[in-house]
Amino acid sequence: MITAVKSHSAIVTMELYAGNVRVPLAQLGPDFAIPVEAVELQPCEAEIVMTIDGVMTRMRVFLQDGMTADRRRVPLSKIPS
């Protein structure tokens, strides 16, 4: 007997916004982000926008060390809403 398997691949986008700078993210963890490409940013508040299958979630974060080209894993801390 052959059974049909239904599967679903989510469409996910992750971006970090710091002022007028938009940084696409490759990976996001509970206390870090990894940008798709190296970016230089000073320490600052930012917003991460994650969209999964059209449902948007926003999270305010603080980049305590900013972003530098020589460090791809960017530490961040969530700002309570």
PDB file of N, CA and C in Angstrom:
ATOM      1  N   MET A   1       0.836  -1.172   0.000  1.00  0.00           N
ATOM      2  CA  MET A   1       0.000   0.000   0.000  1.00  0.00           C
ATOM      3  C   MET A   1       0.885   1.240   0.000  1.00  0.00           C
ATOM      4  N   ILE A   2       0.577   2.177  -0.878  1.00  0.00           N
ATOM      5  CA  ILE A   2       1.331   3.420  -0.973  1.00  0.00           C
ATOM      6  C   ILE A   2       0.488   4.530  -0.363  1.00  0.00           C
ATOM      7  N   THR A   3       1.091   5.287   0.548  1.00  0.00           N
ATOM      8  CA  THR A   3       0.373   6.398   1.169  1.00  0.00           C
ATOM      9  C   THR A   3       1.002   7.713   0.711  1.00  0.00           C
ATOM     10  N   ALA A   4       0.178   8.685   0.527  1.00  0.00           N
ATOM     11  CA  ALA A   4       0.656  10.009   0.128  1.00  0.00           C
ATOM     12  C   ALA A   4       1.176  10.748   1.354  1.00  0.00           C
ATOM     13  N   VAL A   5       2.307  11.362   1.182  1.00  0.00           N
ATOM     14  CA  VAL A   5       2.893  12.142   2.263  1.00  0.00           C
ATOM     15  C   VAL A   5       2.765  13.615   1.899  1.00  0.00           C
ATOM     16  N   LYS A   6       2.113  14.359   2.757  1.00  0.00           N
ATOM     17  CA  LYS A   6       1.994  15.801   2.544  1.00  0.00           C
ATOM     18  C   LYS A   6       3.105  16.476   3.331  1.00  0.00           C
ATOM     19  N   SER A   7       3.809  17.349   2.665  1.00  0.00           N
ATOM     20  CA  SER A   7       4.887  18.062   3.354  1.00  0.00           C
ATOM     21  C   SER A   7       4.719  19.560   3.132  1.00  0.00           C
ATOM     22  N   HIS A   8       5.422  20.310   3.936  1.00  0.00           N
ATOM     23  CA  HIS A   8       5.330  21.762   3.858  1.00  0.00           C
ATOM     24  C   HIS A   8       6.705  22.341   4.112  1.00  0.00           C
ATOM     25  N   SER A   9       7.135  23.205   3.246  1.00  0.00           N
ATOM     26  CA  SER A   9       8.371  23.954   3.464  1.00  0.00           C
ATOM     27  C   SER A   9       7.981  25.392   3.727  1.00  0.00           C
ATOM     28  N   ALA A  10       8.356  25.877   4.890  1.00  0.00           N
ATOM     29  CA  ALA A  10       8.017  27.254   5.262  1.00  0.00           C
ATOM     30  C   ALA A  10       8.865  28.237   4.464  1.00  0.00           C
ATOM     31  N   ILE A  11       8.272  29.365   4.145  1.00  0.00           N
ATOM     32  CA  ILE A  11       8.998  30.464   3.510  1.00  0.00           C
ATOM     33  C   ILE A  11       9.377  31.427   4.628  1.00  0.00           C
ATOM     34  N   VAL A  12      10.682  31.545   4.881  1.00  0.00           N
ATOM     35  CA  VAL A  12      11.187  32.313   6.014  1.00  0.00           C
ATOM     36  C   VAL A  12      12.132  33.406   5.531  1.00  0.00           C
ATOM     37  N   THR A  13      11.941  34.628   6.031  1.00  0.00           N
ATOM     38  CA  THR A  13      12.908  35.708   5.834  1.00  0.00           C
ATOM     39  C   THR A  13      13.227  36.302   7.198  1.00  0.00           C
ATOM     40  N   MET A  14      14.484  36.701   7.366  1.00  0.00           N
ATOM     41  CA  MET A  14      14.925  37.330   8.617  1.00  0.00           C
ATOM     42  C   MET A  14      15.774  38.538   8.245  1.00  0.00           C
ATOM     43  N   GLU A  15      15.434  39.682   8.819  1.00  0.00           N
ATOM     44  CA  GLU A  15      16.169  40.906   8.540  1.00  0.00           C
ATOM     45  C   GLU A  15      16.355  41.700   9.827  1.00  0.00           C
ATOM     46  N   LEU A  16      17.470  42.395   9.892  1.00  0.00           N
ATOM     47  CA  LEU A  16      17.753  43.274  11.018  1.00  0.00           C
ATOM     48  C   LEU A  16      17.735  44.700  10.486  1.00  0.00           C
ATOM     49  N   TYR A  17      17.034  45.573  11.173  1.00  0.00           N
ATOM     50  CA  TYR A  17      16.956  46.983  10.799  1.00  0.00           C
ATOM     51  C   TYR A  17      17.589  47.824  11.909  1.00  0.00           C
ATOM     52  N   ALA A  18      18.591  48.607  11.525  1.00  0.00           N
ATOM     53  CA  ALA A  18      19.246  49.527  12.455  1.00  0.00           C
ATOM     54  C   ALA A  18      19.246  50.897  11.785  1.00  0.00           C
ATOM     55  N   GLY A  19      18.338  51.760  12.210  1.00  0.00           N
ATOM     56  CA  GLY A  19      18.192  53.054  11.535  1.00  0.00           C
ATOM     57  C   GLY A  19      17.733  52.807  10.110  1.00  0.00           C
ATOM     58  N   ASN A  20      18.481  53.342   9.144  1.00  0.00           N
ATOM     59  CA  ASN A  20      18.116  53.140   7.741  1.00  0.00           C
ATOM     60  C   ASN A  20      18.904  52.001   7.085  1.00  0.00           C
ATOM     61  N   VAL A  21      19.549  51.172   7.898  1.00  0.00           N
ATOM     62  CA  VAL A  21      20.337  50.039   7.387  1.00  0.00           C
ATOM     63  C   VAL A  21      19.517  48.753   7.528  1.00  0.00           C
ATOM     64  N   ARG A  22      19.398  48.016   6.417  1.00  0.00           N
ATOM     65  CA  ARG A  22      18.705  46.725   6.394  1.00  0.00           C
ATOM     66  C   ARG A  22      19.745  45.641   6.182  1.00  0.00           C
ATOM     67  N   VAL A  23      19.778  44.659   7.103  1.00  0.00           N
ATOM     68  CA  VAL A  23      20.751  43.585   7.036  1.00  0.00           C
ATOM     69  C   VAL A  23      20.017  42.241   6.959  1.00  0.00           C
ATOM     70  N   PRO A  24      20.036  41.560   5.808  1.00  0.00           N
ATOM     71  CA  PRO A  24      19.451  40.222   5.730  1.00  0.00           C
ATOM     72  C   PRO A  24      20.238  39.258   6.626  1.00  0.00           C
ATOM     73  N   LEU A  25      19.523  38.400   7.336  1.00  0.00           N
ATOM     74  CA  LEU A  25      20.163  37.451   8.249  1.00  0.00           C
ATOM     75  C   LEU A  25      20.122  36.043   7.685  1.00  0.00           C
ATOM     76  N   ALA A  26      21.237  35.316   7.872  1.00  0.00           N
ATOM     77  CA  ALA A  26      21.324  33.919   7.455  1.00  0.00           C
ATOM     78  C   ALA A  26      20.877  32.994   8.575  1.00  0.00           C
ATOM     79  N   GLN A  27      21.150  33.404   9.811  1.00  0.00           N
ATOM     80  CA  GLN A  27      20.818  32.562  10.967  1.00  0.00           C
ATOM     81  C   GLN A  27      20.510  33.455  12.157  1.00  0.00           C
ATOM     82  N   LEU A  28      19.632  32.967  13.017  1.00  0.00           N
ATOM     83  CA  LEU A  28      19.232  33.710  14.208  1.00  0.00           C
ATOM     84  C   LEU A  28      19.114  32.740  15.368  1.00  0.00           C
ATOM     85  N   GLY A  29      19.745  33.088  16.476  1.00  0.00           N
ATOM     86  CA  GLY A  29      19.653  32.279  17.686  1.00  0.00           C
ATOM     87  C   GLY A  29      19.084  33.124  18.809  1.00  0.00           C
ATOM     88  N   PRO A  30      18.998  32.563  20.023  1.00  0.00           N
ATOM     89  CA  PRO A  30      18.406  33.315  21.137  1.00  0.00           C
ATOM     90  C   PRO A  30      19.239  34.524  21.565  1.00  0.00           C
ATOM     91  N   ASP A  31      20.549  34.488  21.304  1.00  0.00           N
ATOM     92  CA  ASP A  31      21.396  35.602  21.719  1.00  0.00           C
ATOM     93  C   ASP A  31      22.441  35.975  20.663  1.00  0.00           C
ATOM     94  N   PHE A  32      22.178  35.622  19.396  1.00  0.00           N
ATOM     95  CA  PHE A  32      23.101  35.968  18.326  1.00  0.00           C
ATOM     96  C   PHE A  32      22.376  36.011  16.985  1.00  0.00           C
ATOM     97  N   ALA A  33      23.019  36.671  16.040  1.00  0.00           N
ATOM     98  CA  ALA A  33      22.540  36.685  14.656  1.00  0.00           C
ATOM     99  C   ALA A  33      23.757  36.557  13.757  1.00  0.00           C
ATOM    100  N   ILE A  34      23.552  35.969  12.579  1.00  0.00           N
ATOM    101  CA  ILE A  34      24.614  35.866  11.588  1.00  0.00           C
ATOM    102  C   ILE A  34      24.101  36.497  10.301  1.00  0.00           C
ATOM    103  N   PRO A  35      24.706  37.622   9.885  1.00  0.00           N
ATOM    104  CA  PRO A  35      24.249  38.271   8.661  1.00  0.00           C
ATOM    105  C   PRO A  35      24.650  37.472   7.419  1.00  0.00           C
ATOM    106  N   VAL A  36      23.901  37.650   6.335  1.00  0.00           N
ATOM    107  CA  VAL A  36      24.223  36.991   5.071  1.00  0.00           C
ATOM    108  C   VAL A  36      25.581  37.482   4.572  1.00  0.00           C
ATOM    109  N   GLU A  37      25.813  38.788   4.667  1.00  0.00           N
ATOM    110  CA  GLU A  37      27.083  39.388   4.268  1.00  0.00           C
ATOM    111  C   GLU A  37      27.620  40.242   5.404  1.00  0.00           C
ATOM    112  N   ALA A  38      28.933  40.399   5.442  1.00  0.00           N
ATOM    113  CA  ALA A  38      29.570  41.193   6.493  1.00  0.00           C
ATOM    114  C   ALA A  38      29.110  42.647   6.407  1.00  0.00           C
ATOM    115  N   VAL A  39      28.831  43.214   7.572  1.00  0.00           N
ATOM    116  CA  VAL A  39      28.347  44.596   7.681  1.00  0.00           C
ATOM    117  C   VAL A  39      29.068  45.257   8.851  1.00  0.00           C
ATOM    118  N   GLU A  40      29.329  46.547   8.732  1.00  0.00           N
ATOM    119  CA  GLU A  40      29.921  47.322   9.823  1.00  0.00           C
ATOM    120  C   GLU A  40      28.837  48.182  10.456  1.00  0.00           C
ATOM    121  N   LEU A  41      28.580  47.980  11.745  1.00  0.00           N
ATOM    122  CA  LEU A  41      27.624  48.785  12.508  1.00  0.00           C
ATOM    123  C   LEU A  41      28.190  49.039  13.892  1.00  0.00           C
ATOM    124  N   GLN A  42      27.969  50.230  14.399  1.00  0.00           N
ATOM    125  CA  GLN A  42      28.333  50.548  15.772  1.00  0.00           C
ATOM    126  C   GLN A  42      27.334  49.884  16.724  1.00  0.00           C
ATOM    127  N   PRO A  43      27.672  49.737  18.017  1.00  0.00           N
ATOM    128  CA  PRO A  43      26.683  49.231  18.974  1.00  0.00           C
ATOM    129  C   PRO A  43      25.421  50.092  18.904  1.00  0.00           C
ATOM    130  N   CYS A  44      24.261  49.450  18.895  1.00  0.00           N
ATOM    131  CA  CYS A  44      23.021  50.201  18.742  1.00  0.00           C
ATOM    132  C   CYS A  44      21.814  49.330  19.041  1.00  0.00           C
ATOM    133  N   GLU A  45      20.652  49.990  19.162  1.00  0.00           N
ATOM    134  CA  GLU A  45      19.386  49.275  19.201  1.00  0.00           C
ATOM    135  C   GLU A  45      18.983  48.979  17.771  1.00  0.00           C
ATOM    136  N   ALA A  46      18.307  47.858  17.584  1.00  0.00           N
ATOM    137  CA  ALA A  46      17.867  47.462  16.246  1.00  0.00           C
ATOM    138  C   ALA A  46      16.573  46.679  16.382  1.00  0.00           C
ATOM    139  N   GLU A  47      16.006  46.328  15.250  1.00  0.00           N
ATOM    140  CA  GLU A  47      14.794  45.514  15.242  1.00  0.00           C
ATOM    141  C   GLU A  47      15.002  44.355  14.284  1.00  0.00           C
ATOM    142  N   ILE A  48      14.666  43.166  14.739  1.00  0.00           N
ATOM    143  CA  ILE A  48      14.699  41.991  13.879  1.00  0.00           C
ATOM    144  C   ILE A  48      13.275  41.719  13.435  1.00  0.00           C
ATOM    145  N   VAL A  49      13.101  41.556  12.132  1.00  0.00           N
ATOM    146  CA  VAL A  49      11.804  41.238  11.556  1.00  0.00           C
ATOM    147  C   VAL A  49      11.925  39.860  10.914  1.00  0.00           C
ATOM    148  N   MET A  50      11.147  38.921  11.432  1.00  0.00           N
ATOM    149  CA  MET A  50      11.145  37.564  10.900  1.00  0.00           C
ATOM    150  C   MET A  50       9.755  37.284  10.346  1.00  0.00           C
ATOM    151  N   THR A  51       9.716  36.792   9.110  1.00  0.00           N
ATOM    152  CA  THR A  51       8.446  36.467   8.472  1.00  0.00           C
ATOM    153  C   THR A  51       8.453  34.988   8.120  1.00  0.00           C
ATOM    154  N   ILE A  52       7.450  34.272   8.612  1.00  0.00           N
ATOM    155  CA  ILE A  52       7.306  32.848   8.328  1.00  0.00           C
ATOM    156  C   ILE A  52       5.952  32.651   7.673  1.00  0.00           C
ATOM    157  N   ASP A  53       5.988  32.219   6.424  1.00  0.00           N
ATOM    158  CA  ASP A  53       4.760  32.016   5.645  1.00  0.00           C
ATOM    159  C   ASP A  53       3.828  33.220   5.715  1.00  0.00           C
ATOM    160  N   GLY A  54       4.393  34.420   5.625  1.00  0.00           N
ATOM    161  CA  GLY A  54       3.594  35.636   5.599  1.00  0.00           C
ATOM    162  C   GLY A  54       3.226  36.203   6.959  1.00  0.00           C
ATOM    163  N   VAL A  55       3.568  35.511   8.034  1.00  0.00           N
ATOM    164  CA  VAL A  55       3.270  35.997   9.389  1.00  0.00           C
ATOM    165  C   VAL A  55       4.524  36.668   9.938  1.00  0.00           C
ATOM    166  N   MET A  56       4.419  37.969  10.231  1.00  0.00           N
ATOM    167  CA  MET A  56       5.557  38.763  10.658  1.00  0.00           C
ATOM    168  C   MET A  56       5.658  38.852  12.172  1.00  0.00           C
ATOM    169  N   THR A  57       6.897  38.690  12.669  1.00  0.00           N
ATOM    170  CA  THR A  57       7.204  38.856  14.086  1.00  0.00           C
ATOM    171  C   THR A  57       8.322  39.882  14.206  1.00  0.00           C
ATOM    172  N   ARG A  58       8.173  40.818  15.137  1.00  0.00           N
ATOM    173  CA  ARG A  58       9.191  41.851  15.354  1.00  0.00           C
ATOM    174  C   ARG A  58       9.778  41.699  16.752  1.00  0.00           C
ATOM    175  N   MET A  59      11.103  41.932  16.847  1.00  0.00           N
ATOM    176  CA  MET A  59      11.767  41.834  18.137  1.00  0.00           C
ATOM    177  C   MET A  59      12.820  42.939  18.230  1.00  0.00           C
ATOM    178  N   ARG A  60      12.721  43.755  19.272  1.00  0.00           N
ATOM    179  CA  ARG A  60      13.721  44.796  19.506  1.00  0.00           C
ATOM    180  C   ARG A  60      14.927  44.169  20.193  1.00  0.00           C
ATOM    181  N   VAL A  61      16.125  44.523  19.709  1.00  0.00           N
ATOM    182  CA  VAL A  61      17.360  43.962  20.250  1.00  0.00           C
ATOM    183  C   VAL A  61      18.401  45.060  20.418  1.00  0.00           C
ATOM    184  N   PHE A  62      19.429  44.753  21.181  1.00  0.00           N
ATOM    185  CA  PHE A  62      20.572  45.646  21.345  1.00  0.00           C
ATOM    186  C   PHE A  62      21.815  44.902  20.888  1.00  0.00           C
ATOM    187  N   LEU A  63      22.556  45.518  19.973  1.00  0.00           N
ATOM    188  CA  LEU A  63      23.821  44.944  19.496  1.00  0.00           C
ATOM    189  C   LEU A  63      24.935  45.542  20.347  1.00  0.00           C
ATOM    190  N   GLN A  64      25.302  44.849  21.408  1.00  0.00           N
ATOM    191  CA  GLN A  64      26.246  45.414  22.369  1.00  0.00           C
ATOM    192  C   GLN A  64      27.636  45.628  21.781  1.00  0.00           C
ATOM    193  N   ASP A  65      28.032  44.827  20.805  1.00  0.00           N
ATOM    194  CA  ASP A  65      29.349  44.973  20.179  1.00  0.00           C
ATOM    195  C   ASP A  65      29.254  45.487  18.744  1.00  0.00           C
ATOM    196  N   GLY A  66      28.041  45.821  18.303  1.00  0.00           N
ATOM    197  CA  GLY A  66      27.859  46.231  16.917  1.00  0.00           C
ATOM    198  C   GLY A  66      28.090  45.053  15.983  1.00  0.00           C
ATOM    199  N   MET A  67      28.374  45.347  14.719  1.00  0.00           N
ATOM    200  CA  MET A  67      28.708  44.315  13.730  1.00  0.00           C
ATOM    201  C   MET A  67      30.025  44.701  13.080  1.00  0.00           C
ATOM    202  N   THR A  68      30.877  43.723  12.877  1.00  0.00           N
ATOM    203  CA  THR A  68      32.146  43.975  12.195  1.00  0.00           C
ATOM    204  C   THR A  68      32.370  42.914  11.122  1.00  0.00           C
ATOM    205  N   ALA A  69      33.144  43.278  10.109  1.00  0.00           N
ATOM    206  CA  ALA A  69      33.411  42.365   8.998  1.00  0.00           C
ATOM    207  C   ALA A  69      34.194  41.134   9.442  1.00  0.00           C
ATOM    208  N   ASP A  70      35.003  41.254  10.493  1.00  0.00           N
ATOM    209  CA  ASP A  70      35.832  40.121  10.915  1.00  0.00           C
ATOM    210  C   ASP A  70      35.137  39.188  11.913  1.00  0.00           C
ATOM    211  N   ARG A  71      33.920  39.515  12.329  1.00  0.00           N
ATOM    212  CA  ARG A  71      33.189  38.644  13.258  1.00  0.00           C
ATOM    213  C   ARG A  71      31.779  38.451  12.713  1.00  0.00           C
ATOM    214  N   ARG A  72      31.498  37.278  12.188  1.00  0.00           N
ATOM    215  CA  ARG A  72      30.203  37.024  11.562  1.00  0.00           C
ATOM    216  C   ARG A  72      29.102  36.772  12.583  1.00  0.00           C
ATOM    217  N   ARG A  73      29.416  36.130  13.705  1.00  0.00           N
ATOM    218  CA  ARG A  73      28.415  35.851  14.740  1.00  0.00           C
ATOM    219  C   ARG A  73      28.278  37.092  15.617  1.00  0.00           C
ATOM    220  N   VAL A  74      27.114  37.725  15.566  1.00  0.00           N
ATOM    221  CA  VAL A  74      26.903  38.996  16.242  1.00  0.00           C
ATOM    222  C   VAL A  74      26.106  38.775  17.530  1.00  0.00           C
ATOM    223  N   PRO A  75      26.718  39.030  18.703  1.00  0.00           N
ATOM    224  CA  PRO A  75      25.962  38.889  19.940  1.00  0.00           C
ATOM    225  C   PRO A  75      24.892  39.970  20.041  1.00  0.00           C
ATOM    226  N   LEU A  76      23.736  39.583  20.578  1.00  0.00           N
ATOM    227  CA  LEU A  76      22.661  40.546  20.777  1.00  0.00           C
ATOM    228  C   LEU A  76      21.878  40.182  22.015  1.00  0.00           C
ATOM    229  N   SER A  77      21.162  41.158  22.539  1.00  0.00           N
ATOM    230  CA  SER A  77      20.290  40.897  23.692  1.00  0.00           C
ATOM    231  C   SER A  77      18.922  41.489  23.379  1.00  0.00           C
ATOM    232  N   LYS A  78      17.890  40.766  23.775  1.00  0.00           N
ATOM    233  CA  LYS A  78      16.527  41.199  23.521  1.00  0.00           C
ATOM    234  C   LYS A  78      16.168  42.351  24.439  1.00  0.00           C
ATOM    235  N   ILE A  79      15.479  43.342  23.912  1.00  0.00           N
ATOM    236  CA  ILE A  79      14.985  44.473  24.706  1.00  0.00           C
ATOM    237  C   ILE A  79      13.541  44.139  25.064  1.00  0.00           C
ATOM    238  N   PRO A  80      13.220  44.056  26.359  1.00  0.00           N
ATOM    239  CA  PRO A  80      11.838  43.728  26.745  1.00  0.00           C
ATOM    240  C   PRO A  80      10.851  44.740  26.175  1.00  0.00           C
ATOM    241  N   SER A  81       9.696  44.239  25.743  1.00  0.00           N
ATOM    242  CA  SER A  81       8.691  45.145  25.183  1.00  0.00           C
ATOM    243  C   SER A  81       7.706  45.607  26.216  1.00  0.00           C
TER     244      SER A  81
END
